[in-house]
C-alpha atoms as a PDB file:
ATOM      1  CA  MET A   1      23.962  -6.013  -8.292  1.00  0.00           C
ATOM      2  CA  ASN A   2      24.700  -4.562  -4.540  1.00  0.00           C
ATOM      3  CA  LYS A   3      21.514  -4.795  -2.497  1.00  0.00           C
ATOM      4  CA  ASN A   4      23.153  -1.702  -0.898  1.00  0.00           C
ATOM      5  CA  ASN A   5      22.237   0.223  -3.886  1.00  0.00           C
ATOM      6  CA  ILE A   6      18.314  -0.299  -3.021  1.00  0.00           C
ATOM      7  CA  SER A   7      16.480   2.744  -2.418  1.00  0.00           C
ATOM      8  CA  ILE A   8      12.804   3.100  -0.847  1.00  0.00           C
ATOM      9  CA  GLN A   9      10.803   6.418  -0.981  1.00  0.00           C
ATOM     10  CA  LYS A  10       7.452   7.356  -1.049  1.00  0.00           C
ATOM     11  CA  ALA A  11       5.964   6.744  -4.930  1.00  0.00           C
ATOM     12  CA  GLN A  12       5.385  10.016  -6.749  1.00  0.00           C
ATOM     13  CA  LYS A  13       2.290  10.679  -9.230  1.00  0.00           C
ATOM     14  CA  LYS A  14       5.274  10.969 -12.110  1.00  0.00           C
ATOM     15  CA  ASP A  15       6.339   7.242 -10.924  1.00  0.00           C
ATOM     16  CA  TYR A  16       2.679   5.886 -11.753  1.00  0.00           C
ATOM     17  CA  ASP A  17       3.328   4.407 -15.586  1.00  0.00           C
ATOM     18  CA  GLU A  18       6.261   2.798 -14.136  1.00  0.00           C
ATOM     19  CA  LEU A  19       3.812   1.454 -11.466  1.00  0.00           C
ATOM     20  CA  ARG A  20       1.516   0.685 -13.773  1.00  0.00           C
ATOM     21  CA  LYS A  21       4.051  -1.417 -15.764  1.00  0.00           C
ATOM     22  CA  ILE A  22       5.451  -3.541 -12.553  1.00  0.00           C
ATOM     23  CA  TYR A  23       2.370  -4.572 -11.454  1.00  0.00           C
ATOM     24  CA  PHE A  24       0.796  -5.813 -15.207  1.00  0.00           C
ATOM     25  CA  ASN A  25       3.962  -7.498 -16.561  1.00  0.00           C
ATOM     26  CA  THR A  26       4.520  -9.210 -12.611  1.00  0.00           C
ATOM     27  CA  ARG A  27       1.085 -10.411 -12.866  1.00  0.00           C
ATOM     28  CA  GLN A  28       0.839 -11.316 -16.148  1.00  0.00           C
ATOM     29  CA  GLU A  29       4.081 -13.915 -15.687  1.00  0.00           C
ATOM     30  CA  SER A  30       3.057 -14.832 -12.434  1.00  0.00           C
ATOM     31  CA  PHE A  31      -0.679 -15.078 -11.694  1.00  0.00           C
ATOM     32  CA  THR A  32      -1.582 -17.962 -13.566  1.00  0.00           C
ATOM     33  CA  TRP A  33      -4.553 -18.683 -12.106  1.00  0.00           C
ATOM     34  CA  GLU A  34      -6.280 -15.400 -13.483  1.00  0.00           C
ATOM     35  CA  LYS A  35      -6.796 -14.806 -17.254  1.00  0.00           C
ATOM     36  CA  HIS A  36      -4.679 -12.941 -18.958  1.00  0.00           C
ATOM     37  CA  ASP A  37      -7.775 -10.741 -20.562  1.00  0.00           C
ATOM     38  CA  SER A  38      -8.334  -9.765 -17.302  1.00  0.00           C
ATOM     39  CA  ILE A  39      -5.745  -7.995 -16.389  1.00  0.00           C
ATOM     40  CA  LYS A  40      -4.921  -3.943 -17.089  1.00  0.00           C
ATOM     41  CA  LEU A  41      -2.588  -1.641 -16.638  1.00  0.00           C
ATOM     42  CA  GLU A  42      -4.741   0.378 -15.134  1.00  0.00           C
ATOM     43  CA  ASP A  43      -6.200  -2.076 -12.068  1.00  0.00           C
ATOM     44  CA  PHE A  44      -3.251  -0.534 -10.315  1.00  0.00           C
ATOM     45  CA  ASP A  45      -4.888   2.610  -9.697  1.00  0.00           C
ATOM     46  CA  SER A  46      -8.155   0.909  -8.461  1.00  0.00           C
ATOM     47  CA  SER A  47      -6.112  -1.768  -6.157  1.00  0.00           C
ATOM     48  CA  THR A  48      -3.971   1.434  -4.686  1.00  0.00           C
ATOM     49  CA  GLU A  49      -6.547   3.804  -4.237  1.00  0.00           C
ATOM     50  CA  GLY A  50      -5.540   5.696  -1.228  1.00  0.00           C
ATOM     51  CA  GLU A  51      -2.703   3.547   0.276  1.00  0.00           C
ATOM     52  CA  LEU A  52       1.067   4.582   0.798  1.00  0.00           C
ATOM     53  CA  ILE A  53       2.774   3.330  -1.815  1.00  0.00           C
ATOM     54  CA  LEU A  54       6.816   2.954  -1.268  1.00  0.00           C
ATOM     55  CA  THR A  55       8.721   2.107  -4.402  1.00  0.00           C
ATOM     56  CA  ALA A  56      12.339   0.514  -4.707  1.00  0.00           C
ATOM     57  CA  LYS A  57      15.065   1.806  -6.965  1.00  0.00           C
ATOM     58  CA  ILE A  58      18.227   0.251  -7.925  1.00  0.00           C
ATOM     59  CA  ASP A  59      20.676   2.621  -9.781  1.00  0.00           C
ATOM     60  CA  ASN A  60      17.407   4.964  -9.728  1.00  0.00           C
ATOM     61  CA  GLU A  61      15.398   2.443 -11.264  1.00  0.00           C
ATOM     62  CA  ILE A  62      12.194   1.891 -10.455  1.00  0.00           C
ATOM     63  CA  VAL A  63      12.124  -2.049  -9.687  1.00  0.00           C
ATOM     64  CA  GLY A  64       9.702  -2.605  -7.079  1.00  0.00           C
ATOM     65  CA  PHE A  65       6.335  -1.072  -4.834  1.00  0.00           C
ATOM     66  CA  VAL A  66       4.632  -2.119  -1.921  1.00  0.00           C
ATOM     67  CA  SER A  67       1.221  -0.363  -1.478  1.00  0.00           C
ATOM     68  CA  ILE A  68       0.064  -0.130   2.050  1.00  0.00           C
ATOM     69  CA  TRP A  69      -3.335   0.629   3.434  1.00  0.00           C
ATOM     70  CA  GLU A  70      -2.148   2.403   6.624  1.00  0.00           C
ATOM     71  CA  GLU A  71      -5.040   2.316   9.272  1.00  0.00           C
ATOM     72  CA  ASP A  72      -4.655  -1.698   9.247  1.00  0.00           C
ATOM     73  CA  LYS A  73      -0.789  -1.817   8.370  1.00  0.00           C
ATOM     74  CA  PHE A  74      -1.900  -4.341   5.886  1.00  0.00           C
ATOM     75  CA  ILE A  75      -0.254  -4.864   2.904  1.00  0.00           C
ATOM     76  CA  HIS A  76      -2.140  -4.761  -0.474  1.00  0.00           C
ATOM     77  CA  ASN A  77       0.306  -5.161  -3.160  1.00  0.00           C
ATOM     78  CA  LEU A  78       3.879  -5.962  -3.035  1.00  0.00           C
ATOM     79  CA  PHE A  79       5.243  -6.368  -6.655  1.00  0.00           C
ATOM     80  CA  VAL A  80       9.293  -6.555  -8.033  1.00  0.00           C
ATOM     81  CA  SER A  81      10.652  -6.971 -11.529  1.00  0.00           C
ATOM     82  CA  SER A  82      10.903  -9.946 -12.481  1.00  0.00           C
ATOM     83  CA  ASN A  83      15.140  -9.026 -13.773  1.00  0.00           C
ATOM     84  CA  PHE A  84      15.053  -7.783  -9.874  1.00  0.00           C
ATOM     85  CA  LYS A  85      13.730 -11.021  -8.078  1.00  0.00           C
ATOM     86  CA  LYS A  86      16.168 -12.607  -5.476  1.00  0.00           C
ATOM     87  CA  CYS A  87      18.322  -9.633  -5.249  1.00  0.00           C
ATOM     88  CA  GLY A  88      16.962  -7.880  -1.522  1.00  0.00           C
ATOM     89  CA  VAL A  89      14.260  -5.760  -3.676  1.00  0.00           C
ATOM     90  CA  GLY A  90      11.591  -7.597  -1.668  1.00  0.00           C
ATOM     91  CA  LYS A  91      12.851  -7.919   2.032  1.00  0.00           C
ATOM     92  CA  ALA A  92      14.173  -3.991   1.423  1.00  0.00           C
ATOM     93  CA  LEU A  93      10.374  -2.908   0.791  1.00  0.00           C
ATOM     94  CA  ILE A  94       8.818  -5.233   3.919  1.00  0.00           C
ATOM     95  CA  ASN A  95      11.492  -3.477   6.036  1.00  0.00           C
ATOM     96  CA  GLN A  96      10.421   0.015   4.553  1.00  0.00           C
ATOM     97  CA  SER A  97       6.720  -0.606   5.110  1.00  0.00           C
ATOM     98  CA  ALA A  98       7.250  -1.385   8.761  1.00  0.00           C
ATOM     99  CA  LYS A  99       9.215   1.667   9.806  1.00  0.00           C
ATOM    100  CA  ALA A 100       7.057   3.816   7.352  1.00  0.00           C
ATOM    101  CA  VAL A 101       3.299   1.874   9.293  1.00  0.00           C
ATOM    102  CA  GLY A 102       4.551  -0.311  12.324  1.00  0.00           C
ATOM    103  CA  LEU A 103       4.139  -3.359  13.242  1.00  0.00           C
ATOM    104  CA  PRO A 104       2.415  -6.013  13.158  1.00  0.00           C
ATOM    105  CA  LEU A 105       1.784  -5.835   9.106  1.00  0.00           C
ATOM    106  CA  THR A 106      -0.903  -8.223   7.775  1.00  0.00           C
ATOM    107  CA  LEU A 107      -1.360  -9.428   4.240  1.00  0.00           C
ATOM    108  CA  LYS A 108      -2.855 -11.634   2.013  1.00  0.00           C
ATOM    109  CA  CYS A 109      -1.768 -14.164   0.120  1.00  0.00           C
ATOM    110  CA  VAL A 110      -3.594 -16.234  -2.517  1.00  0.00           C
ATOM    111  CA  LYS A 111      -2.922 -20.029  -1.969  1.00  0.00           C
ATOM    112  CA  ALA A 112      -2.087 -20.531  -5.790  1.00  0.00           C
ATOM    113  CA  ASN A 113       0.660 -18.084  -5.259  1.00  0.00           C
ATOM    114  CA  VAL A 114       3.228 -20.802  -4.727  1.00  0.00           C
ATOM    115  CA  ASN A 115       6.621 -18.201  -5.169  1.00  0.00           C
ATOM    116  CA  ALA A 116       4.744 -15.255  -2.756  1.00  0.00           C
ATOM    117  CA  LEU A 117       4.087 -17.376  -0.334  1.00  0.00           C
ATOM    118  CA  HIS A 118       7.903 -18.826   0.069  1.00  0.00           C
ATOM    119  CA  PHE A 119       8.869 -16.113  -0.438  1.00  0.00           C
ATOM    120  CA  TYR A 120       7.120 -13.913   3.020  1.00  0.00           C
ATOM    121  CA  LEU A 121       7.463 -17.545   4.644  1.00  0.00           C
ATOM    122  CA  SER A 122      11.344 -16.831   4.311  1.00  0.00           C
ATOM    123  CA  GLN A 123      11.121 -13.254   5.388  1.00  0.00           C
ATOM    124  CA  GLY A 124       9.199 -14.462   8.870  1.00  0.00           C
ATOM    125  CA  TRP A 125       6.058 -14.156   7.545  1.00  0.00           C
ATOM    126  CA  THR A 126       3.479 -16.644   9.602  1.00  0.00           C
ATOM    127  CA  ILE A 127       0.194 -17.757   8.836  1.00  0.00           C
ATOM    128  CA  GLU A 128      -2.756 -16.416  11.212  1.00  0.00           C
ATOM    129  CA  GLU A 129      -5.786 -18.108   8.831  1.00  0.00           C
ATOM    130  CA  GLU A 130      -6.504 -19.923   6.046  1.00  0.00           C
ATOM    131  CA  VAL A 131      -9.449 -18.799   3.954  1.00  0.00           C
ATOM    132  CA  ALA A 132     -11.093 -20.800   1.608  1.00  0.00           C
ATOM    133  CA  GLU A 133     -12.979 -17.944  -0.700  1.00  0.00           C
ATOM    134  CA  ASN A 134     -14.145 -17.464  -4.709  1.00  0.00           C
ATOM    135  CA  GLU A 135      -9.920 -17.112  -4.386  1.00  0.00           C
ATOM    136  CA  PRO A 136      -8.265 -18.895  -1.286  1.00  0.00           C
ATOM    137  CA  TYR A 137      -6.048 -17.865   0.744  1.00  0.00           C
ATOM    138  CA  TYR A 138      -3.922 -16.806   3.488  1.00  0.00           C
ATOM    139  CA  LEU A 139      -3.675 -14.275   5.484  1.00  0.00           C
ATOM    140  CA  MET A 140       0.020 -13.727   6.760  1.00  0.00           C
ATOM    141  CA  LYS A 141       1.569 -11.591  10.218  1.00  0.00           C
ATOM    142  CA  TYR A 142       4.806 -10.064   9.714  1.00  0.00           C
ATOM    143  CA  GLU A 143       5.885  -9.396  13.756  1.00  0.00           C
ATOM    144  CA  GLY A 144       9.734  -8.593  12.582  1.00  0.00           C
ATOM    145  CA  ILE A 145      12.755 -10.359  12.844  1.00  0.00           C
ATOM    146  CA  ASN A 146      13.373 -12.271  15.649  1.00  0.00           C
ATOM    147  CA  ILE A 147      16.960 -11.224  16.877  1.00  0.00           C
ATOM    148  CA  PHE A 148      17.712 -14.833  18.316  1.00  0.00           C
ATOM    149  CA  LYS A 149      16.712 -16.584  14.492  1.00  0.00           C
ATOM    150  CA  LYS A 150      20.005 -17.302  13.076  1.00  0.00           C
END
């Protein structure tokens, strides 16, 4: 797969059915700490309400999305279809998020979501704070790629 085929654009209402499926399926597959019967298709709508949503497409197929609370430059959701993980989709979504709302970006990464944590750290995110609430998480920050980093 050619990573140059990834296009990022603002989500349209017509995209929401596909985005709901990505959100639902990815949570079912990856969120092992959640009860599967608590995960609903319509959770996407309440989880992204009022947020900027950008979609990632490869060959005109939606393969992922990011939702951002713009005022705080806070990434609330970043999901990539399992068939397209490790294809540069997440990185492309982060880069476009930075272009859309500016830096620094922040997000919460649930501690149990080890794969996501490793991904964010590999992309240059730093852990700013560890929070031990009901669902312990890391507050993470992204200030951009260091041009001197090899």
